[in-house]
Amino acid sequence: MKQQTLSHRDIAAVTRPLALMIHSGIPVGDAMTLLAEDEQNETLRALFTQMGENADYGASVARTLEDTGRFPAYVTALLEVGERTGRTEEALTALSDYYDRRERTERRIRSALTYPLILLMLMLVVIVVLLSQVLPVFEEVYASLGGRLTGVAGGLLLLGQWLDRAMPFLCVLLALVLGF
């Protein structure tokens, strides 16, 4: 069973220090052991330990990463090309830069979408309050004058009354949606 691939941040957290250690002349197995000792995240620590053991048995860097089943094929393929051309360090640095940029881009997209969603939610709350709390006041005023709301206004009044009755359910539903 293939495990879930690492996040972009985690891939960058693996490739950047590994590139630095290879540049420093530290063997890959020792580099992985050092990274495992310093890692706080249990998942990454176990991953570094596994990769260190594979590297100690003579596996290439690309094969070491591929054997974990946690890296995309793009990562292992680029590392394989880097190893064949003698540019493993450059390949690791390029991968780190690429995944750092992807992480920043995704963060910006999430941030850019969050603000309009918050405004949309506030707008919906205002509309619900208008329909369920303010419009009935107008209905009372019309009723005291001997009339009643008809047409679109009457339909909106009925919608507001329905929303007022359904509000507990809608609040629970909204909490569940926000939770996910």
Protein backbone atom coordinates (compact mmCIF):
# COMPACT_ATOMS: atom_id res chain seq x y z
CA MET A 1 0.00 0.00 0.00
CA LYS A 2 1.45 3.34 -1.05
CA GLN A 3 1.69 5.91 1.71
CA GLN A 4 0.50 9.46 1.33
CA THR A 5 3.03 11.74 -0.34
CA LEU A 6 4.68 14.42 1.72
CA SER A 7 3.48 18.01 1.71
CA HIS A 8 5.39 20.59 -0.28
CA ARG A 9 6.78 22.03 2.95
CA ASP A 10 8.04 18.61 4.05
CA ILE A 11 9.65 17.89 0.69
CA ALA A 12 11.50 21.21 0.93
CA ALA A 13 12.43 20.35 4.54
CA VAL A 14 14.04 17.14 3.30
CA THR A 15 15.77 18.39 0.16
CA ARG A 16 17.27 21.69 1.37
CA PRO A 17 19.30 20.36 4.34
CA LEU A 18 20.24 17.25 2.36
CA ALA A 19 21.66 19.48 -0.40
CA LEU A 20 23.62 21.48 2.18
CA MET A 21 25.05 18.35 3.78
CA ILE A 22 26.02 16.84 0.45
CA HIS A 23 27.70 20.14 -0.41
CA SER A 24 29.60 19.87 2.88
CA GLY A 25 30.85 16.41 1.93
CA ILE A 26 28.76 14.43 4.42
CA PRO A 27 27.72 11.01 3.09
CA VAL A 28 24.00 10.65 2.43
CA GLY A 29 23.46 7.99 5.11
CA ASP A 30 25.17 10.12 7.76
CA ALA A 31 23.27 13.19 6.59
CA MET A 32 19.97 11.37 7.01
CA THR A 33 20.98 10.20 10.49
CA LEU A 34 21.88 13.77 11.47
CA LEU A 35 18.58 15.06 10.11
CA ALA A 36 16.68 12.35 12.00
CA GLU A 37 18.38 13.31 15.27
CA ASP A 38 17.39 16.97 14.90
CA GLU A 39 13.85 16.45 13.59
CA GLN A 40 10.92 17.22 15.92
CA ASN A 41 8.23 15.74 13.66
CA GLU A 42 7.93 12.00 14.35
CA THR A 43 6.85 11.20 10.80
CA LEU A 44 9.85 12.96 9.28
CA ARG A 45 12.18 11.47 11.89
CA ALA A 46 11.08 7.94 10.96
CA LEU A 47 11.38 8.84 7.28
CA PHE A 48 14.94 10.17 7.73
CA THR A 49 15.89 7.06 9.68
CA GLN A 50 14.51 4.78 6.95
CA MET A 51 16.26 6.78 4.23
CA GLY A 52 19.51 6.75 6.20
CA GLU A 53 19.42 2.96 6.47
CA ASN A 54 18.74 2.61 2.73
CA ALA A 55 21.60 4.98 1.91
CA ASP A 56 23.94 3.07 4.24
CA TYR A 57 23.20 -0.09 2.24
CA GLY A 58 24.42 1.68 -0.90
CA ALA A 59 21.18 2.92 -2.42
CA SER A 60 21.35 6.11 -4.47
CA VAL A 61 19.63 9.26 -3.20
CA ALA A 62 16.85 8.90 -5.79
CA ARG A 63 16.34 5.24 -4.90
CA THR A 64 16.40 6.08 -1.20
CA LEU A 65 13.61 8.61 -1.63
CA GLU A 66 11.67 6.40 -4.02
CA ASP A 67 11.74 3.42 -1.64
CA THR A 68 9.89 5.41 1.02
CA GLY A 69 6.87 5.79 -1.26
CA ARG A 70 6.33 9.28 0.14
CA PHE A 71 7.87 11.40 -2.62
CA PRO A 72 6.28 12.29 -5.97
CA ALA A 73 7.74 10.71 -9.08
CA TYR A 74 8.92 14.17 -10.18
CA VAL A 75 11.27 14.36 -7.19
CA THR A 76 12.82 10.96 -7.69
CA ALA A 77 13.11 11.38 -11.46
CA LEU A 78 14.87 14.74 -11.14
CA LEU A 79 17.22 13.33 -8.51
CA GLU A 80 18.01 10.36 -10.72
CA VAL A 81 18.95 12.70 -13.56
CA GLY A 82 20.97 14.80 -11.11
CA GLU A 83 22.88 11.76 -9.91
CA ARG A 84 23.61 10.55 -13.44
CA THR A 85 25.01 13.95 -14.40
CA GLY A 86 26.91 14.45 -11.15
CA ARG A 87 24.67 17.32 -10.07
CA THR A 88 22.81 15.80 -7.13
CA GLU A 89 23.32 18.86 -4.96
CA GLU A 90 21.94 21.19 -7.65
CA ALA A 91 18.95 18.89 -8.21
CA LEU A 92 18.17 18.88 -4.48
CA THR A 93 18.49 22.67 -4.30
CA ALA A 94 16.25 23.11 -7.35
CA LEU A 95 13.65 20.78 -5.83
CA SER A 96 13.76 22.68 -2.55
CA ASP A 97 13.31 26.02 -4.31
CA TYR A 98 10.47 24.63 -6.43
CA TYR A 99 8.54 23.21 -3.48
CA ASP A 100 9.13 26.34 -1.39
CA ARG A 101 7.62 28.42 -4.20
CA ARG A 102 4.66 26.02 -4.52
CA GLU A 103 4.01 26.21 -0.78
CA ARG A 104 4.11 30.02 -0.83
CA THR A 105 1.79 30.12 -3.86
CA GLU A 106 -0.73 27.79 -2.24
CA ARG A 107 -0.62 29.86 0.94
CA ARG A 108 -1.29 33.03 -1.07
CA ILE A 109 -4.19 31.39 -2.89
CA ARG A 110 -5.73 30.24 0.40
CA SER A 111 -5.28 33.72 1.82
CA ALA A 112 -6.76 35.35 -1.27
CA LEU A 113 -9.82 33.10 -1.09
CA THR A 114 -10.34 33.43 2.66
CA TYR A 115 -11.19 37.14 2.66
CA PRO A 116 -13.98 36.94 0.05
CA LEU A 117 -15.42 33.87 1.79
CA ILE A 118 -15.54 35.74 5.10
CA LEU A 119 -17.25 38.69 3.40
CA LEU A 120 -19.73 36.33 1.76
CA MET A 121 -20.54 34.73 5.11
CA LEU A 122 -21.04 38.16 6.73
CA MET A 123 -23.27 39.22 3.85
CA LEU A 124 -25.38 36.09 4.27
CA VAL A 125 -25.71 36.75 7.99
CA VAL A 126 -26.88 40.32 7.30
CA ILE A 127 -29.44 39.09 4.76
CA VAL A 128 -30.75 36.45 7.16
CA VAL A 129 -31.07 39.03 9.95
CA LEU A 130 -32.90 41.41 7.61
CA LEU A 131 -35.29 38.70 6.45
CA SER A 132 -35.95 37.13 9.84
CA GLN A 133 -35.84 40.15 12.17
CA VAL A 134 -36.36 43.41 10.27
CA LEU A 135 -38.94 42.41 7.65
CA PRO A 136 -41.42 41.13 10.29
CA VAL A 137 -41.36 44.61 11.85
CA PHE A 138 -42.54 46.04 8.52
CA GLU A 139 -45.24 43.38 8.41
CA GLU A 140 -46.48 44.51 11.83
CA VAL A 141 -46.52 48.13 10.66
CA TYR A 142 -48.54 47.19 7.54
CA ALA A 143 -50.88 45.04 9.65
CA SER A 144 -51.51 47.94 12.05
CA LEU A 145 -52.45 50.07 9.04
CA GLY A 146 -54.84 47.40 7.81
CA GLY A 147 -52.68 45.97 4.99
CA ARG A 148 -50.22 43.18 4.49
CA LEU A 149 -47.08 42.49 2.48
CA THR A 150 -47.72 40.85 -0.90
CA GLY A 151 -45.71 39.89 -3.94
CA VAL A 152 -41.95 39.79 -3.54
CA ALA A 153 -42.05 41.37 -0.09
CA GLY A 154 -44.59 38.75 1.07
CA GLY A 155 -42.40 35.97 -0.32
CA LEU A 156 -39.35 37.37 1.41
CA LEU A 157 -41.35 37.56 4.66
CA LEU A 158 -42.22 33.86 4.35
CA LEU A 159 -38.57 33.08 3.62
CA GLY A 160 -37.54 35.08 6.69
CA GLN A 161 -40.03 33.20 8.87
CA TRP A 162 -38.74 29.89 7.54
CA LEU A 163 -35.12 30.99 8.18
CA ASP A 164 -36.05 32.03 11.72
CA ARG A 165 -37.48 28.57 12.44
CA ALA A 166 -34.57 26.77 10.73
CA MET A 167 -31.84 28.89 12.38
CA PRO A 168 -30.71 26.28 14.98
CA PHE A 169 -30.30 23.66 12.26
CA LEU A 170 -28.53 26.12 9.94
CA CYS A 171 -26.11 27.13 12.73
CA VAL A 172 -25.19 23.49 13.36
CA LEU A 173 -24.76 22.94 9.63
CA LEU A 174 -22.57 26.05 9.33
CA ALA A 175 -20.42 24.90 12.26
CA LEU A 176 -19.91 21.52 10.59
CA VAL A 177 -18.96 23.16 7.27
CA LEU A 178 -16.50 25.49 8.98
CA GLY A 179 -15.11 22.52 10.91
CA PHE A 180 -14.24 20.75 7.70
